[in-house]
């Protein structure tokens, strides 16, 4: 089962609201605030993110935080040297 109800979301399968009645655009705002490049995504990709449950959003934020913890050195070199070293 892959519809919204089967995944614990009450959105009628539309992806318009997250778990617990959270407005869908709040999900995108949270992702933006944590550094996700939401604006670069297609409308279809944004729609997928709008349909995330609270648990799914939490997992994404946790993974992003862990990646950010180990990424700054490489990112700094990339920004300084234009990625020429990597």
PDB file of N, CA and C in Angstrom:
ATOM      1  N   UNK A   1       0.839  -1.181   0.000  1.00  0.00           N
ATOM      2  CA  UNK A   1       0.000   0.000   0.000  1.00  0.00           C
ATOM      3  C   UNK A   1       0.879   1.237   0.000  1.00  0.00           C
ATOM      4  N   UNK A   2       0.638   2.126  -0.946  1.00  0.00           N
ATOM      5  CA  UNK A   2       1.471   3.324  -1.006  1.00  0.00           C
ATOM      6  C   UNK A   2       0.678   4.609  -0.970  1.00  0.00           C
ATOM      7  N   UNK A   3      -0.639   4.534  -0.767  1.00  0.00           N
ATOM      8  CA  UNK A   3      -1.404   5.779  -0.725  1.00  0.00           C
ATOM      9  C   UNK A   3      -1.215   6.488   0.613  1.00  0.00           C
ATOM     10  N   UNK A   4      -1.649   7.719   0.693  1.00  0.00           N
ATOM     11  CA  UNK A   4      -1.460   8.542   1.884  1.00  0.00           C
ATOM     12  C   UNK A   4      -2.033   7.923   3.139  1.00  0.00           C
ATOM     13  N   UNK A   5      -3.209   7.314   3.043  1.00  0.00           N
ATOM     14  CA  UNK A   5      -3.831   6.723   4.218  1.00  0.00           C
ATOM     15  C   UNK A   5      -3.026   5.543   4.725  1.00  0.00           C
ATOM     16  N   UNK A   6      -2.455   4.757   3.805  1.00  0.00           N
ATOM     17  CA  UNK A   6      -1.668   3.606   4.202  1.00  0.00           C
ATOM     18  C   UNK A   6      -0.388   4.015   4.899  1.00  0.00           C
ATOM     19  N   UNK A   7       0.103   5.210   4.632  1.00  0.00           N
ATOM     20  CA  UNK A   7       1.332   5.688   5.240  1.00  0.00           C
ATOM     21  C   UNK A   7       1.060   6.550   6.468  1.00  0.00           C
ATOM     22  N   UNK A   8      -0.158   6.579   6.937  1.00  0.00           N
ATOM     23  CA  UNK A   8      -0.473   7.316   8.149  1.00  0.00           C
ATOM     24  C   UNK A   8      -0.766   8.784   7.929  1.00  0.00           C
ATOM     25  N   UNK A   9      -0.985   9.175   6.690  1.00  0.00           N
ATOM     26  CA  UNK A   9      -1.299  10.575   6.412  1.00  0.00           C
ATOM     27  C   UNK A   9      -2.782  10.687   6.107  1.00  0.00           C
ATOM     28  N   UNK A  10      -3.370  11.789   6.538  1.00  0.00           N
ATOM     29  CA  UNK A  10      -4.784  12.034   6.282  1.00  0.00           C
ATOM     30  C   UNK A  10      -4.897  13.146   5.261  1.00  0.00           C
ATOM     31  N   UNK A  11      -4.435  12.857   4.030  1.00  0.00           N
ATOM     32  CA  UNK A  11      -4.450  13.880   2.986  1.00  0.00           C
ATOM     33  C   UNK A  11      -5.269  13.441   1.783  1.00  0.00           C
ATOM     34  N   UNK A  12      -5.952  12.318   1.904  1.00  0.00           N
ATOM     35  CA  UNK A  12      -6.743  11.822   0.792  1.00  0.00           C
ATOM     36  C   UNK A  12      -5.895  11.419  -0.396  1.00  0.00           C
ATOM     37  N   UNK A  13      -4.586  11.217  -0.179  1.00  0.00           N
ATOM     38  CA  UNK A  13      -3.699  10.857  -1.268  1.00  0.00           C
ATOM     39  C   UNK A  13      -3.225  12.037  -2.087  1.00  0.00           C
ATOM     40  N   UNK A  14      -3.589  13.252  -1.698  1.00  0.00           N
ATOM     41  CA  UNK A  14      -3.228  14.417  -2.499  1.00  0.00           C
ATOM     42  C   UNK A  14      -1.875  14.993  -2.139  1.00  0.00           C
ATOM     43  N   UNK A  15      -1.369  14.677  -0.944  1.00  0.00           N
ATOM     44  CA  UNK A  15      -0.109  15.267  -0.504  1.00  0.00           C
ATOM     45  C   UNK A  15      -0.254  16.709  -0.065  1.00  0.00           C
ATOM     46  N   UNK A  16      -1.454  17.179   0.162  1.00  0.00           N
ATOM     47  CA  UNK A  16      -1.697  18.586   0.487  1.00  0.00           C
ATOM     48  C   UNK A  16      -1.515  18.929   1.949  1.00  0.00           C
ATOM     49  N   UNK A  17      -1.495  17.937   2.819  1.00  0.00           N
ATOM     50  CA  UNK A  17      -1.238  18.230   4.220  1.00  0.00           C
ATOM     51  C   UNK A  17      -0.383  17.126   4.800  1.00  0.00           C
ATOM     52  N   UNK A  18       0.455  17.486   5.744  1.00  0.00           N
ATOM     53  CA  UNK A  18       1.295  16.504   6.387  1.00  0.00           C
ATOM     54  C   UNK A  18       0.548  15.827   7.513  1.00  0.00           C
ATOM     55  N   UNK A  19       1.239  14.941   8.188  1.00  0.00           N
ATOM     56  CA  UNK A  19       0.652  14.210   9.307  1.00  0.00           C
ATOM     57  C   UNK A  19       0.223  15.187  10.392  1.00  0.00           C
ATOM     58  N   UNK A  20      -0.886  14.909  11.027  1.00  0.00           N
ATOM     59  CA  UNK A  20      -1.360  15.749  12.111  1.00  0.00           C
ATOM     60  C   UNK A  20      -1.987  17.039  11.635  1.00  0.00           C
ATOM     61  N   UNK A  21      -2.339  17.119  10.348  1.00  0.00           N
ATOM     62  CA  UNK A  21      -2.991  18.304   9.833  1.00  0.00           C
ATOM     63  C   UNK A  21      -2.070  19.487   9.588  1.00  0.00           C
ATOM     64  N   UNK A  22      -0.740  19.256   9.642  1.00  0.00           N
ATOM     65  CA  UNK A  22       0.234  20.321   9.384  1.00  0.00           C
ATOM     66  C   UNK A  22       0.040  20.820   7.954  1.00  0.00           C
ATOM     67  N   UNK A  23      -0.092  22.138   7.758  1.00  0.00           N
ATOM     68  CA  UNK A  23      -0.218  22.653   6.394  1.00  0.00           C
ATOM     69  C   UNK A  23       0.966  22.238   5.533  1.00  0.00           C
ATOM     70  N   UNK A  24       0.705  21.833   4.312  1.00  0.00           N
ATOM     71  CA  UNK A  24       1.736  21.306   3.433  1.00  0.00           C
ATOM     72  C   UNK A  24       2.874  22.286   3.195  1.00  0.00           C
ATOM     73  N   UNK A  25       2.553  23.572   3.041  1.00  0.00           N
ATOM     74  CA  UNK A  25       3.610  24.546   2.769  1.00  0.00           C
ATOM     75  C   UNK A  25       4.529  24.741   3.965  1.00  0.00           C
ATOM     76  N   UNK A  26       4.048  24.420   5.184  1.00  0.00           N
ATOM     77  CA  UNK A  26       4.924  24.474   6.355  1.00  0.00           C
ATOM     78  C   UNK A  26       6.093  23.514   6.192  1.00  0.00           C
ATOM     79  N   UNK A  27       5.851  22.369   5.590  1.00  0.00           N
ATOM     80  CA  UNK A  27       6.911  21.396   5.368  1.00  0.00           C
ATOM     81  C   UNK A  27       8.009  22.010   4.506  1.00  0.00           C
ATOM     82  N   UNK A  28       7.630  22.676   3.436  1.00  0.00           N
ATOM     83  CA  UNK A  28       8.626  23.313   2.569  1.00  0.00           C
ATOM     84  C   UNK A  28       9.355  24.425   3.305  1.00  0.00           C
ATOM     85  N   UNK A  29       8.637  25.175   4.125  1.00  0.00           N
ATOM     86  CA  UNK A  29       9.271  26.242   4.912  1.00  0.00           C
ATOM     87  C   UNK A  29      10.300  25.676   5.879  1.00  0.00           C
ATOM     88  N   UNK A  30       9.973  24.567   6.523  1.00  0.00           N
ATOM     89  CA  UNK A  30      10.905  23.931   7.450  1.00  0.00           C
ATOM     90  C   UNK A  30      12.139  23.449   6.695  1.00  0.00           C
ATOM     91  N   UNK A  31      11.934  22.828   5.557  1.00  0.00           N
ATOM     92  CA  UNK A  31      13.066  22.343   4.764  1.00  0.00           C
ATOM     93  C   UNK A  31      13.950  23.504   4.310  1.00  0.00           C
ATOM     94  N   UNK A  32      13.334  24.588   3.845  1.00  0.00           N
ATOM     95  CA  UNK A  32      14.104  25.778   3.442  1.00  0.00           C
ATOM     96  C   UNK A  32      14.940  26.303   4.608  1.00  0.00           C
ATOM     97  N   UNK A  33      14.319  26.391   5.774  1.00  0.00           N
ATOM     98  CA  UNK A  33      14.998  26.924   6.958  1.00  0.00           C
ATOM     99  C   UNK A  33      16.193  26.069   7.365  1.00  0.00           C
ATOM    100  N   UNK A  34      16.194  24.798   6.968  1.00  0.00           N
ATOM    101  CA  UNK A  34      17.292  23.904   7.296  1.00  0.00           C
ATOM    102  C   UNK A  34      18.267  23.730   6.132  1.00  0.00           C
ATOM    103  N   UNK A  35      18.145  24.582   5.134  1.00  0.00           N
ATOM    104  CA  UNK A  35      19.134  24.596   4.061  1.00  0.00           C
ATOM    105  C   UNK A  35      18.842  23.738   2.848  1.00  0.00           C
ATOM    106  N   UNK A  36      17.658  23.185   2.759  1.00  0.00           N
ATOM    107  CA  UNK A  36      17.315  22.417   1.567  1.00  0.00           C
ATOM    108  C   UNK A  36      17.001  23.381   0.422  1.00  0.00           C
ATOM    109  N   UNK A  37      17.479  23.084  -0.755  1.00  0.00           N
ATOM    110  CA  UNK A  37      17.255  23.929  -1.932  1.00  0.00           C
ATOM    111  C   UNK A  37      15.911  23.646  -2.575  1.00  0.00           C
ATOM    112  N   UNK A  38      14.859  23.925  -1.858  1.00  0.00           N
ATOM    113  CA  UNK A  38      13.499  23.618  -2.321  1.00  0.00           C
ATOM    114  C   UNK A  38      13.170  24.358  -3.623  1.00  0.00           C
ATOM    115  N   UNK A  39      13.645  25.569  -3.769  1.00  0.00           N
ATOM    116  CA  UNK A  39      13.320  26.373  -4.955  1.00  0.00           C
ATOM    117  C   UNK A  39      13.861  25.752  -6.240  1.00  0.00           C
ATOM    118  N   UNK A  40      14.922  24.965  -6.128  1.00  0.00           N
ATOM    119  CA  UNK A  40      15.512  24.348  -7.316  1.00  0.00           C
ATOM    120  C   UNK A  40      14.775  23.094  -7.766  1.00  0.00           C
ATOM    121  N   UNK A  41      13.860  22.609  -6.950  1.00  0.00           N
ATOM    122  CA  UNK A  41      13.126  21.391  -7.272  1.00  0.00           C
ATOM    123  C   UNK A  41      11.965  21.682  -8.214  1.00  0.00           C
ATOM    124  N   UNK A  42      11.568  20.668  -8.953  1.00  0.00           N
ATOM    125  CA  UNK A  42      10.396  20.805  -9.813  1.00  0.00           C
ATOM    126  C   UNK A  42       9.144  20.860  -8.942  1.00  0.00           C
ATOM    127  N   UNK A  43       8.056  21.294  -9.503  1.00  0.00           N
ATOM    128  CA  UNK A  43       6.787  21.335  -8.769  1.00  0.00           C
ATOM    129  C   UNK A  43       6.401  19.927  -8.307  1.00  0.00           C
ATOM    130  N   UNK A  44       6.663  18.935  -9.144  1.00  0.00           N
ATOM    131  CA  UNK A  44       6.336  17.561  -8.779  1.00  0.00           C
ATOM    132  C   UNK A  44       7.167  17.100  -7.577  1.00  0.00           C
ATOM    133  N   UNK A  45       8.442  17.461  -7.546  1.00  0.00           N
ATOM    134  CA  UNK A  45       9.298  17.101  -6.418  1.00  0.00           C
ATOM    135  C   UNK A  45       8.848  17.825  -5.148  1.00  0.00           C
ATOM    136  N   UNK A  46       8.478  19.089  -5.284  1.00  0.00           N
ATOM    137  CA  UNK A  46       7.972  19.831  -4.130  1.00  0.00           C
ATOM    138  C   UNK A  46       6.692  19.204  -3.615  1.00  0.00           C
ATOM    139  N   UNK A  47       5.866  18.708  -4.505  1.00  0.00           N
ATOM    140  CA  UNK A  47       4.614  18.063  -4.107  1.00  0.00           C
ATOM    141  C   UNK A  47       4.897  16.820  -3.268  1.00  0.00           C
ATOM    142  N   UNK A  48       5.913  16.065  -3.639  1.00  0.00           N
ATOM    143  CA  UNK A  48       6.300  14.895  -2.843  1.00  0.00           C
ATOM    144  C   UNK A  48       6.692  15.334  -1.434  1.00  0.00           C
ATOM    145  N   UNK A  49       7.488  16.392  -1.333  1.00  0.00           N
ATOM    146  CA  UNK A  49       7.917  16.879  -0.024  1.00  0.00           C
ATOM    147  C   UNK A  49       6.752  17.410   0.797  1.00  0.00           C
ATOM    148  N   UNK A  50       5.798  18.041   0.144  1.00  0.00           N
ATOM    149  CA  UNK A  50       4.619  18.547   0.860  1.00  0.00           C
ATOM    150  C   UNK A  50       3.856  17.419   1.543  1.00  0.00           C
ATOM    151  N   UNK A  51       3.913  16.231   0.979  1.00  0.00           N
ATOM    152  CA  UNK A  51       3.179  15.094   1.510  1.00  0.00           C
ATOM    153  C   UNK A  51       3.905  14.312   2.587  1.00  0.00           C
ATOM    154  N   UNK A  52       5.094  14.760   2.992  1.00  0.00           N
ATOM    155  CA  UNK A  52       5.834  14.032   4.020  1.00  0.00           C
ATOM    156  C   UNK A  52       5.090  14.024   5.348  1.00  0.00           C
ATOM    157  N   UNK A  53       5.168  12.893   6.024  1.00  0.00           N
ATOM    158  CA  UNK A  53       4.629  12.824   7.386  1.00  0.00           C
ATOM    159  C   UNK A  53       5.616  13.528   8.313  1.00  0.00           C
ATOM    160  N   UNK A  54       5.203  13.778   9.538  1.00  0.00           N
ATOM    161  CA  UNK A  54       6.088  14.406  10.524  1.00  0.00           C
ATOM    162  C   UNK A  54       7.322  13.540  10.754  1.00  0.00           C
ATOM    163  N   UNK A  55       7.130  12.230  10.784  1.00  0.00           N
ATOM    164  CA  UNK A  55       8.263  11.311  10.988  1.00  0.00           C
ATOM    165  C   UNK A  55       9.230  11.364   9.803  1.00  0.00           C
ATOM    166  N   UNK A  56       8.696  11.383   8.590  1.00  0.00           N
ATOM    167  CA  UNK A  56       9.553  11.452   7.404  1.00  0.00           C
ATOM    168  C   UNK A  56      10.346  12.753   7.381  1.00  0.00           C
ATOM    169  N   UNK A  57       9.698  13.857   7.729  1.00  0.00           N
ATOM    170  CA  UNK A  57      10.371  15.150   7.783  1.00  0.00           C
ATOM    171  C   UNK A  57      11.485  15.123   8.817  1.00  0.00           C
ATOM    172  N   UNK A  58      11.216  14.550   9.961  1.00  0.00           N
ATOM    173  CA  UNK A  58      12.214  14.452  11.024  1.00  0.00           C
ATOM    174  C   UNK A  58      13.436  13.660  10.564  1.00  0.00           C
ATOM    175  N   UNK A  59      13.211  12.560   9.862  1.00  0.00           N
ATOM    176  CA  UNK A  59      14.313  11.747   9.348  1.00  0.00           C
ATOM    177  C   UNK A  59      15.144  12.547   8.353  1.00  0.00           C
ATOM    178  N   UNK A  60      14.489  13.264   7.445  1.00  0.00           N
ATOM    179  CA  UNK A  60      15.229  14.081   6.471  1.00  0.00           C
ATOM    180  C   UNK A  60      16.087  15.135   7.166  1.00  0.00           C
ATOM    181  N   UNK A  61      15.529  15.798   8.174  1.00  0.00           N
ATOM    182  CA  UNK A  61      16.274  16.831   8.892  1.00  0.00           C
ATOM    183  C   UNK A  61      17.445  16.226   9.652  1.00  0.00           C
ATOM    184  N   UNK A  62      17.255  15.041  10.215  1.00  0.00           N
ATOM    185  CA  UNK A  62      18.328  14.372  10.933  1.00  0.00           C
ATOM    186  C   UNK A  62      19.463  13.996   9.984  1.00  0.00           C
ATOM    187  N   UNK A  63      19.126  13.436   8.845  1.00  0.00           N
ATOM    188  CA  UNK A  63      20.148  13.063   7.860  1.00  0.00           C
ATOM    189  C   UNK A  63      20.894  14.297   7.380  1.00  0.00           C
ATOM    190  N   UNK A  64      20.170  15.371   7.098  1.00  0.00           N
ATOM    191  CA  UNK A  64      20.804  16.616   6.644  1.00  0.00           C
ATOM    192  C   UNK A  64      21.770  17.144   7.696  1.00  0.00           C
ATOM    193  N   UNK A  65      21.359  17.116   8.960  1.00  0.00           N
ATOM    194  CA  UNK A  65      22.217  17.602  10.042  1.00  0.00           C
ATOM    195  C   UNK A  65      23.495  16.775  10.128  1.00  0.00           C
ATOM    196  N   UNK A  66      23.367  15.458   9.984  1.00  0.00           N
ATOM    197  CA  UNK A  66      24.550  14.593  10.044  1.00  0.00           C
ATOM    198  C   UNK A  66      25.473  14.832   8.856  1.00  0.00           C
ATOM    199  N   UNK A  67      24.902  15.039   7.672  1.00  0.00           N
ATOM    200  CA  UNK A  67      25.722  15.344   6.496  1.00  0.00           C
ATOM    201  C   UNK A  67      26.437  16.676   6.667  1.00  0.00           C
ATOM    202  N   UNK A  68      25.728  17.663   7.210  1.00  0.00           N
ATOM    203  CA  UNK A  68      26.334  18.979   7.434  1.00  0.00           C
ATOM    204  C   UNK A  68      27.479  18.904   8.436  1.00  0.00           C
ATOM    205  N   UNK A  69      27.363  18.013   9.420  1.00  0.00           N
ATOM    206  CA  UNK A  69      28.422  17.869  10.429  1.00  0.00           C
ATOM    207  C   UNK A  69      29.736  17.409   9.821  1.00  0.00           C
ATOM    208  N   UNK A  70      29.673  16.583   8.812  1.00  0.00           N
ATOM    209  CA  UNK A  70      30.900  16.038   8.222  1.00  0.00           C
ATOM    210  C   UNK A  70      31.290  16.726   6.923  1.00  0.00           C
ATOM    211  N   UNK A  71      30.482  17.669   6.456  1.00  0.00           N
ATOM    212  CA  UNK A  71      30.712  18.263   5.153  1.00  0.00           C
ATOM    213  C   UNK A  71      31.460  19.568   5.067  1.00  0.00           C
ATOM    214  N   UNK A  72      31.549  20.386   6.095  1.00  0.00           N
ATOM    215  CA  UNK A  72      32.089  21.733   5.923  1.00  0.00           C
ATOM    216  C   UNK A  72      33.494  21.815   5.325  1.00  0.00           C
ATOM    217  N   UNK A  73      34.400  20.926   5.702  1.00  0.00           N
ATOM    218  CA  UNK A  73      35.768  21.005   5.176  1.00  0.00           C
ATOM    219  C   UNK A  73      35.775  20.858   3.658  1.00  0.00           C
ATOM    220  N   UNK A  74      35.084  19.867   3.152  1.00  0.00           N
ATOM    221  CA  UNK A  74      35.023  19.655   1.708  1.00  0.00           C
ATOM    222  C   UNK A  74      34.300  20.810   1.039  1.00  0.00           C
ATOM    223  N   UNK A  75      33.222  21.294   1.642  1.00  0.00           N
ATOM    224  CA  UNK A  75      32.477  22.403   1.063  1.00  0.00           C
ATOM    225  C   UNK A  75      33.328  23.658   1.025  1.00  0.00           C
ATOM    226  N   UNK A  76      34.105  23.899   2.060  1.00  0.00           N
ATOM    227  CA  UNK A  76      34.953  25.087   2.098  1.00  0.00           C
ATOM    228  C   UNK A  76      35.984  25.031   0.985  1.00  0.00           C
ATOM    229  N   UNK A  77      36.623  23.874   0.786  1.00  0.00           N
ATOM    230  CA  UNK A  77      37.600  23.742  -0.299  1.00  0.00           C
ATOM    231  C   UNK A  77      36.940  23.945  -1.647  1.00  0.00           C
ATOM    232  N   UNK A  78      35.759  23.413  -1.790  1.00  0.00           N
ATOM    233  CA  UNK A  78      35.033  23.546  -3.038  1.00  0.00           C
ATOM    234  C   UNK A  78      34.709  24.998  -3.332  1.00  0.00           C
ATOM    235  N   UNK A  79      34.286  25.735  -2.307  1.00  0.00           N
ATOM    236  CA  UNK A  79      33.930  27.137  -2.502  1.00  0.00           C
ATOM    237  C   UNK A  79      35.167  27.982  -2.799  1.00  0.00           C
ATOM    238  N   UNK A  80      36.277  27.684  -2.115  1.00  0.00           N
ATOM    239  CA  UNK A  80      37.500  28.471  -2.311  1.00  0.00           C
ATOM    240  C   UNK A  80      38.142  28.172  -3.651  1.00  0.00           C
ATOM    241  N   UNK A  81      38.245  26.901  -3.990  1.00  0.00           N
ATOM    242  CA  UNK A  81      38.971  26.500  -5.202  1.00  0.00           C
ATOM    243  C   UNK A  81      38.033  26.197  -6.368  1.00  0.00           C
ATOM    244  N   UNK A  82      36.793  26.450  -6.186  1.00  0.00           N
ATOM    245  CA  UNK A  82      35.838  26.173  -7.256  1.00  0.00           C
ATOM    246  C   UNK A  82      35.698  24.698  -7.552  1.00  0.00           C
ATOM    247  N   UNK A  83      36.045  23.879  -6.583  1.00  0.00           N
ATOM    248  CA  UNK A  83      35.935  22.438  -6.767  1.00  0.00           C
ATOM    249  C   UNK A  83      37.085  21.848  -7.542  1.00  0.00           C
ATOM    250  N   UNK A  84      38.096  22.639  -7.903  1.00  0.00           N
ATOM    251  CA  UNK A  84      39.206  22.168  -8.713  1.00  0.00           C
ATOM    252  C   UNK A  84      40.027  21.082  -8.018  1.00  0.00           C
ATOM    253  N   UNK A  85      40.027  21.079  -6.699  1.00  0.00           N
ATOM    254  CA  UNK A  85      40.824  20.110  -5.969  1.00  0.00           C
ATOM    255  C   UNK A  85      40.129  18.776  -5.775  1.00  0.00           C
ATOM    256  N   UNK A  86      38.854  18.734  -6.014  1.00  0.00           N
ATOM    257  CA  UNK A  86      38.104  17.510  -5.725  1.00  0.00           C
ATOM    258  C   UNK A  86      37.460  16.971  -6.973  1.00  0.00           C
TER     259      UNK A  86
END
